[in-house]
Every structure is written in C-alpha cells, then in structure tokens.
Amino acid sequence: MPFNLTKKYNDLLDIMGMSEAQRIESLRRIFNRDIQNNPHFIFNGKPIFPTPKEDGVIAMENLFNHLTRKEVDKEIHHREFDINRSQRLHWIRYHTEQRKADNMLYFSVAEPRSPRTYIYDIDERYVIVLEPQRSGSSYYLLTAYHLEGKDAARDKIMNKYRRRRLPNLL
C-alpha cells in the first residue's frame, strides 16, 4: 500500500485489487500527506480548508468522503466509492500547487448558492472545485472529480468558463 505514495501526476493510484480496508488505508495515507497534514495546502497564495462540519460529521472526514465517493442518491445524499475520484486523489495537490502550466483553466463563477473557483485540467478532464471564503483570505475545498461520459460534462465546464466566469479569480 505505501507504493501509492510514490505515484506522480498523471499516474493513477493502484487500488483495484485491494480489499475495502486496504483501499481506505492507502487513500487515507495520500489524503493525510497531501491535504490533512499539509501545512502548505494552498491555492493562489491562500490556504485551503475543508468545509465546516455538517450534521455532526467531522470536517476532514466529510472532505475525504467527497474526494473518494460520489453521490448516487441526491434525495438522501448517499455517496458510494468512486474509482475515478479515488485513483486521482494525489492529483489535487499537484493542481492546487499549479505545477502544470499548459491546458489548464483557473476561473471563478458566481453560482446560485455562492461563488466557486474551478481548476480544470483540460487534458485529463479533471476538475477541482473550491469555494472562496467571504473574507477572501482562504478557500474551502468542496470536491474534485474526473469528467466522465461524452462531451456533455466537458461542455458544461467550458460553458461556465466562456459565458459565466468572473473577470478576476476569487
């Protein structure tokens, strides 16, 4: 399991043949290294935090859940393991540190609930969603995921960028 700690962008984590406990342990090591225990987890010069605790769920647990599972029942907010999110967990730090220069989009959009800042890797079809805090001094990491399916998902992100992006990155 420690071998996943040596994976680099754009390799995928090897978690397919693992038991659920082994998979969670391996993913947790990546999450702890890159996010939870990383004092330099920043984007655009601002620190990134998990969203505040909801319904008694510890903030870091909630964030780990969002980064390794996807919602399969919107009515009850039930989430299940997502191989595509999980295999790319180590990409988050790479992208927030802005190590990739080509074919990247960084933009903010005024969404109905609150503004969002998007990091979009065009080549890998990978999206990271941040919520700027009201003070403007930090971000909440909401989620990160691989765009799946035909071009509809990519088109949705590109339409946000072309039609709705704010003039400045929040």
C-alpha atoms as a PDB file:
ATOM      1  CA  MET A   1       0.000   0.000   0.000  1.00  0.00           C
ATOM      2  CA  PRO A   2       2.793   2.537   0.633  1.00  0.00           C
ATOM      3  CA  PHE A   3       3.725   2.228  -3.057  1.00  0.00           C
ATOM      4  CA  ASN A   4       0.865   4.599  -3.896  1.00  0.00           C
ATOM      5  CA  LEU A   5       2.724   7.332  -2.001  1.00  0.00           C
ATOM      6  CA  THR A   6       5.317   7.322  -4.804  1.00  0.00           C
ATOM      7  CA  LYS A   7       2.782   7.860  -7.598  1.00  0.00           C
ATOM      8  CA  LYS A   8       3.089  11.109  -9.521  1.00  0.00           C
ATOM      9  CA  TYR A   9       0.722  13.106 -11.716  1.00  0.00           C
ATOM     10  CA  ASN A  10      -0.751  11.709 -14.095  1.00  0.00           C
ATOM     11  CA  ASP A  11      -0.345   8.122 -12.878  1.00  0.00           C
ATOM     12  CA  LEU A  12      -3.404   6.506 -11.352  1.00  0.00           C
ATOM     13  CA  LEU A  13      -3.281   5.041  -7.845  1.00  0.00           C
ATOM     14  CA  ASP A  14      -3.246   1.228  -7.742  1.00  0.00           C
ATOM     15  CA  ILE A  15      -6.303   0.404  -5.635  1.00  0.00           C
ATOM     16  CA  MET A  16      -8.285  -2.003  -7.810  1.00  0.00           C
ATOM     17  CA  GLY A  17      -7.226  -5.338  -6.268  1.00  0.00           C
ATOM     18  CA  MET A  18      -7.384  -4.146  -2.673  1.00  0.00           C
ATOM     19  CA  SER A  19      -9.924  -5.013  -0.037  1.00  0.00           C
ATOM     20  CA  GLU A  20     -12.066  -2.102   1.126  1.00  0.00           C
ATOM     21  CA  ALA A  21      -9.968  -1.709   4.301  1.00  0.00           C
ATOM     22  CA  GLN A  22      -6.683  -1.728   2.328  1.00  0.00           C
ATOM     23  CA  ARG A  23      -8.092   0.742  -0.198  1.00  0.00           C
ATOM     24  CA  ILE A  24      -9.236   3.152   2.520  1.00  0.00           C
ATOM     25  CA  GLU A  25      -5.870   2.881   4.299  1.00  0.00           C
ATOM     26  CA  SER A  26      -3.974   3.605   1.066  1.00  0.00           C
ATOM     27  CA  LEU A  27      -6.218   6.538   0.133  1.00  0.00           C
ATOM     28  CA  ARG A  28      -6.070   7.878   3.683  1.00  0.00           C
ATOM     29  CA  ARG A  29      -2.257   7.970   3.517  1.00  0.00           C
ATOM     30  CA  ILE A  30      -2.430  10.100   0.355  1.00  0.00           C
ATOM     31  CA  PHE A  31      -5.143  12.331   1.845  1.00  0.00           C
ATOM     32  CA  ASN A  32      -3.207  12.813   5.102  1.00  0.00           C
ATOM     33  CA  ARG A  33       0.047  13.627   3.290  1.00  0.00           C
ATOM     34  CA  ASP A  34      -1.395  15.976   0.665  1.00  0.00           C
ATOM     35  CA  ILE A  35      -4.306  17.605   2.461  1.00  0.00           C
ATOM     36  CA  GLN A  36      -4.958  16.942   6.152  1.00  0.00           C
ATOM     37  CA  ASN A  37      -1.362  17.143   7.421  1.00  0.00           C
ATOM     38  CA  ASN A  38      -0.042  19.525   4.765  1.00  0.00           C
ATOM     39  CA  PRO A  39       0.638  22.947   6.324  1.00  0.00           C
ATOM     40  CA  HIS A  40       1.255  24.341   2.830  1.00  0.00           C
ATOM     41  CA  PHE A  41      -2.021  23.223   1.257  1.00  0.00           C
ATOM     42  CA  ILE A  42      -2.696  26.435  -0.670  1.00  0.00           C
ATOM     43  CA  PHE A  43      -4.002  27.727  -3.976  1.00  0.00           C
ATOM     44  CA  ASN A  44      -3.379  31.175  -5.394  1.00  0.00           C
ATOM     45  CA  GLY A  45      -1.448  32.093  -2.235  1.00  0.00           C
ATOM     46  CA  LYS A  46      -4.394  31.275   0.049  1.00  0.00           C
ATOM     47  CA  PRO A  47      -4.792  28.320   2.425  1.00  0.00           C
ATOM     48  CA  ILE A  48      -7.365  25.634   1.644  1.00  0.00           C
ATOM     49  CA  PHE A  49      -9.575  24.137   4.366  1.00  0.00           C
ATOM     50  CA  PRO A  50     -12.313  21.511   4.465  1.00  0.00           C
ATOM     51  CA  THR A  51     -15.853  22.822   4.602  1.00  0.00           C
ATOM     52  CA  PRO A  52     -17.149  23.330   8.133  1.00  0.00           C
ATOM     53  CA  LYS A  53     -18.663  20.334   9.861  1.00  0.00           C
ATOM     54  CA  GLU A  54     -22.167  19.348   8.763  1.00  0.00           C
ATOM     55  CA  ASP A  55     -24.668  17.185  10.611  1.00  0.00           C
ATOM     56  CA  GLY A  56     -22.079  16.214  13.219  1.00  0.00           C
ATOM     57  CA  VAL A  57     -19.634  14.830  10.625  1.00  0.00           C
ATOM     58  CA  ILE A  58     -16.035  15.869  11.253  1.00  0.00           C
ATOM     59  CA  ALA A  59     -14.889  18.255   8.510  1.00  0.00           C
ATOM     60  CA  MET A  60     -11.886  16.188   7.364  1.00  0.00           C
ATOM     61  CA  GLU A  61     -13.989  13.009   7.239  1.00  0.00           C
ATOM     62  CA  ASN A  62     -16.586  14.810   5.165  1.00  0.00           C
ATOM     63  CA  LEU A  63     -13.902  16.073   2.778  1.00  0.00           C
ATOM     64  CA  PHE A  64     -12.292  12.617   2.445  1.00  0.00           C
ATOM     65  CA  ASN A  65     -15.761  11.261   1.657  1.00  0.00           C
ATOM     66  CA  HIS A  66     -16.334  13.862  -1.079  1.00  0.00           C
ATOM     67  CA  LEU A  67     -12.941  13.199  -2.648  1.00  0.00           C
ATOM     68  CA  THR A  68     -13.285   9.398  -2.800  1.00  0.00           C
ATOM     69  CA  ARG A  69     -17.035   8.870  -3.241  1.00  0.00           C
ATOM     70  CA  LYS A  70     -19.733  10.290  -5.475  1.00  0.00           C
ATOM     71  CA  GLU A  71     -23.349  10.988  -4.728  1.00  0.00           C
ATOM     72  CA  VAL A  72     -25.570   8.244  -6.119  1.00  0.00           C
ATOM     73  CA  ASP A  73     -28.831   9.322  -4.465  1.00  0.00           C
ATOM     74  CA  LYS A  74     -29.350  13.084  -4.408  1.00  0.00           C
ATOM     75  CA  GLU A  75     -32.519  12.859  -2.334  1.00  0.00           C
ATOM     76  CA  ILE A  76     -30.830  11.277   0.692  1.00  0.00           C
ATOM     77  CA  HIS A  77     -27.280  12.404  -0.227  1.00  0.00           C
ATOM     78  CA  HIS A  78     -25.990   8.824  -0.274  1.00  0.00           C
ATOM     79  CA  ARG A  79     -22.416   8.508  -1.540  1.00  0.00           C
ATOM     80  CA  GLU A  80     -20.603   5.399  -2.765  1.00  0.00           C
ATOM     81  CA  PHE A  81     -16.965   4.645  -3.561  1.00  0.00           C
ATOM     82  CA  ASP A  82     -15.862   6.176  -6.871  1.00  0.00           C
ATOM     83  CA  ILE A  83     -12.826   4.595  -8.508  1.00  0.00           C
ATOM     84  CA  ASN A  84     -12.268   7.585 -10.813  1.00  0.00           C
ATOM     85  CA  ARG A  85     -12.097  10.119  -7.987  1.00  0.00           C
ATOM     86  CA  SER A  86     -10.057   7.846  -5.765  1.00  0.00           C
ATOM     87  CA  GLN A  87      -7.418   6.912  -8.343  1.00  0.00           C
ATOM     88  CA  ARG A  88      -6.728  10.621  -8.870  1.00  0.00           C
ATOM     89  CA  LEU A  89      -6.675  11.734  -5.231  1.00  0.00           C
ATOM     90  CA  HIS A  90      -2.969  12.638  -5.432  1.00  0.00           C
ATOM     91  CA  TRP A  91      -3.678  14.989  -8.359  1.00  0.00           C
ATOM     92  CA  ILE A  92      -5.331  17.563  -6.080  1.00  0.00           C
ATOM     93  CA  ARG A  93      -2.118  18.788  -4.500  1.00  0.00           C
ATOM     94  CA  TYR A  94      -0.354  18.825  -7.876  1.00  0.00           C
ATOM     95  CA  HIS A  95      -3.047  21.084  -9.312  1.00  0.00           C
ATOM     96  CA  THR A  96      -3.500  23.380  -6.312  1.00  0.00           C
ATOM     97  CA  GLU A  97       0.262  23.971  -6.371  1.00  0.00           C
ATOM     98  CA  GLN A  98      -0.183  24.948 -10.040  1.00  0.00           C
ATOM     99  CA  ARG A  99       2.626  22.698 -11.264  1.00  0.00           C
ATOM    100  CA  LYS A 100       1.006  22.159 -14.668  1.00  0.00           C
ATOM    101  CA  ALA A 101       1.157  25.186 -16.953  1.00  0.00           C
ATOM    102  CA  ASP A 102      -0.342  24.008 -20.236  1.00  0.00           C
ATOM    103  CA  ASN A 103      -4.024  23.343 -20.955  1.00  0.00           C
ATOM    104  CA  MET A 104      -5.211  24.497 -17.550  1.00  0.00           C
ATOM    105  CA  LEU A 105      -8.111  26.822 -16.739  1.00  0.00           C
ATOM    106  CA  TYR A 106      -8.405  28.706 -13.460  1.00  0.00           C
ATOM    107  CA  PHE A 107     -11.597  30.694 -13.095  1.00  0.00           C
ATOM    108  CA  SER A 108     -14.337  31.783 -10.713  1.00  0.00           C
ATOM    109  CA  VAL A 109     -18.092  31.766 -11.304  1.00  0.00           C
ATOM    110  CA  ALA A 110     -20.956  33.334  -9.358  1.00  0.00           C
ATOM    111  CA  GLU A 111     -23.033  30.214  -8.639  1.00  0.00           C
ATOM    112  CA  PRO A 112     -26.558  30.476  -7.171  1.00  0.00           C
ATOM    113  CA  ARG A 113     -25.506  29.414  -3.640  1.00  0.00           C
ATOM    114  CA  SER A 114     -22.079  31.052  -3.505  1.00  0.00           C
ATOM    115  CA  PRO A 115     -19.100  31.805  -5.743  1.00  0.00           C
ATOM    116  CA  ARG A 116     -16.956  28.866  -6.842  1.00  0.00           C
ATOM    117  CA  THR A 117     -13.404  28.739  -8.137  1.00  0.00           C
ATOM    118  CA  TYR A 118     -12.613  26.000 -10.629  1.00  0.00           C
ATOM    119  CA  ILE A 119      -9.311  24.394 -11.500  1.00  0.00           C
ATOM    120  CA  TYR A 120      -9.743  22.489 -14.758  1.00  0.00           C
ATOM    121  CA  ASP A 121      -7.141  20.231 -16.352  1.00  0.00           C
ATOM    122  CA  ILE A 122      -8.265  20.099 -19.974  1.00  0.00           C
ATOM    123  CA  ASP A 123      -6.003  17.196 -20.999  1.00  0.00           C
ATOM    124  CA  GLU A 124      -7.029  14.921 -18.148  1.00  0.00           C
ATOM    125  CA  ARG A 125     -10.637  16.181 -17.861  1.00  0.00           C
ATOM    126  CA  TYR A 126     -10.132  16.751 -14.148  1.00  0.00           C
ATOM    127  CA  VAL A 127     -11.961  19.374 -12.080  1.00  0.00           C
ATOM    128  CA  ILE A 128     -11.292  20.755  -8.613  1.00  0.00           C
ATOM    129  CA  VAL A 129     -13.956  22.954  -7.037  1.00  0.00           C
ATOM    130  CA  LEU A 130     -13.102  25.496  -4.347  1.00  0.00           C
ATOM    131  CA  GLU A 131     -15.342  27.930  -2.511  1.00  0.00           C
ATOM    132  CA  PRO A 132     -13.674  31.239  -1.688  1.00  0.00           C
ATOM    133  CA  GLN A 133     -14.363  32.250   1.910  1.00  0.00           C
ATOM    134  CA  ARG A 134     -16.187  35.541   2.327  1.00  0.00           C
ATOM    135  CA  SER A 135     -13.102  37.206   3.772  1.00  0.00           C
ATOM    136  CA  GLY A 136     -11.243  36.407   0.542  1.00  0.00           C
ATOM    137  CA  SER A 137      -8.277  35.097   2.529  1.00  0.00           C
ATOM    138  CA  SER A 138      -8.784  31.339   2.050  1.00  0.00           C
ATOM    139  CA  TYR A 139     -10.750  28.610   0.286  1.00  0.00           C
ATOM    140  CA  TYR A 140     -12.875  25.616   1.159  1.00  0.00           C
ATOM    141  CA  LEU A 141     -12.144  22.512  -0.885  1.00  0.00           C
ATOM    142  CA  LEU A 142     -15.547  21.221  -1.957  1.00  0.00           C
ATOM    143  CA  THR A 143     -14.719  18.354  -4.281  1.00  0.00           C
ATOM    144  CA  ALA A 144     -12.567  17.059  -7.138  1.00  0.00           C
ATOM    145  CA  TYR A 145     -13.576  14.665  -9.877  1.00  0.00           C
ATOM    146  CA  HIS A 146     -12.832  13.252 -13.299  1.00  0.00           C
ATOM    147  CA  LEU A 147     -15.303  14.214 -16.025  1.00  0.00           C
ATOM    148  CA  GLU A 148     -16.940  11.051 -17.298  1.00  0.00           C
ATOM    149  CA  GLY A 149     -19.043  10.215 -20.297  1.00  0.00           C
ATOM    150  CA  LYS A 150     -19.341  12.001 -23.595  1.00  0.00           C
ATOM    151  CA  ASP A 151     -18.616  15.655 -24.152  1.00  0.00           C
ATOM    152  CA  ALA A 152     -21.614  16.969 -22.162  1.00  0.00           C
ATOM    153  CA  ALA A 153     -19.682  17.196 -18.876  1.00  0.00           C
ATOM    154  CA  ARG A 154     -16.732  18.912 -20.555  1.00  0.00           C
ATOM    155  CA  ASP A 155     -19.072  21.270 -22.384  1.00  0.00           C
ATOM    156  CA  LYS A 156     -20.725  22.260 -19.100  1.00  0.00           C
ATOM    157  CA  ILE A 157     -17.366  23.289 -17.604  1.00  0.00           C
ATOM    158  CA  MET A 158     -16.305  25.063 -20.799  1.00  0.00           C
ATOM    159  CA  ASN A 159     -19.626  26.950 -20.934  1.00  0.00           C
ATOM    160  CA  LYS A 160     -19.078  28.141 -17.359  1.00  0.00           C
ATOM    161  CA  TYR A 161     -15.636  29.344 -18.390  1.00  0.00           C
ATOM    162  CA  ARG A 162     -16.758  31.056 -21.609  1.00  0.00           C
ATOM    163  CA  ARG A 163     -20.075  32.525 -20.509  1.00  0.00           C
ATOM    164  CA  ARG A 164     -20.123  32.922 -16.751  1.00  0.00           C
ATOM    165  CA  ARG A 165     -16.582  33.386 -15.478  1.00  0.00           C
ATOM    166  CA  LEU A 166     -15.880  36.437 -13.394  1.00  0.00           C
ATOM    167  CA  PRO A 167     -13.215  38.896 -14.569  1.00  0.00           C
ATOM    168  CA  ASN A 168     -10.933  38.001 -11.632  1.00  0.00           C
ATOM    169  CA  LEU A 169     -10.046  34.785  -9.864  1.00  0.00           C
ATOM    170  CA  LEU A 170     -11.576  34.894  -6.396  1.00  0.00           C
END
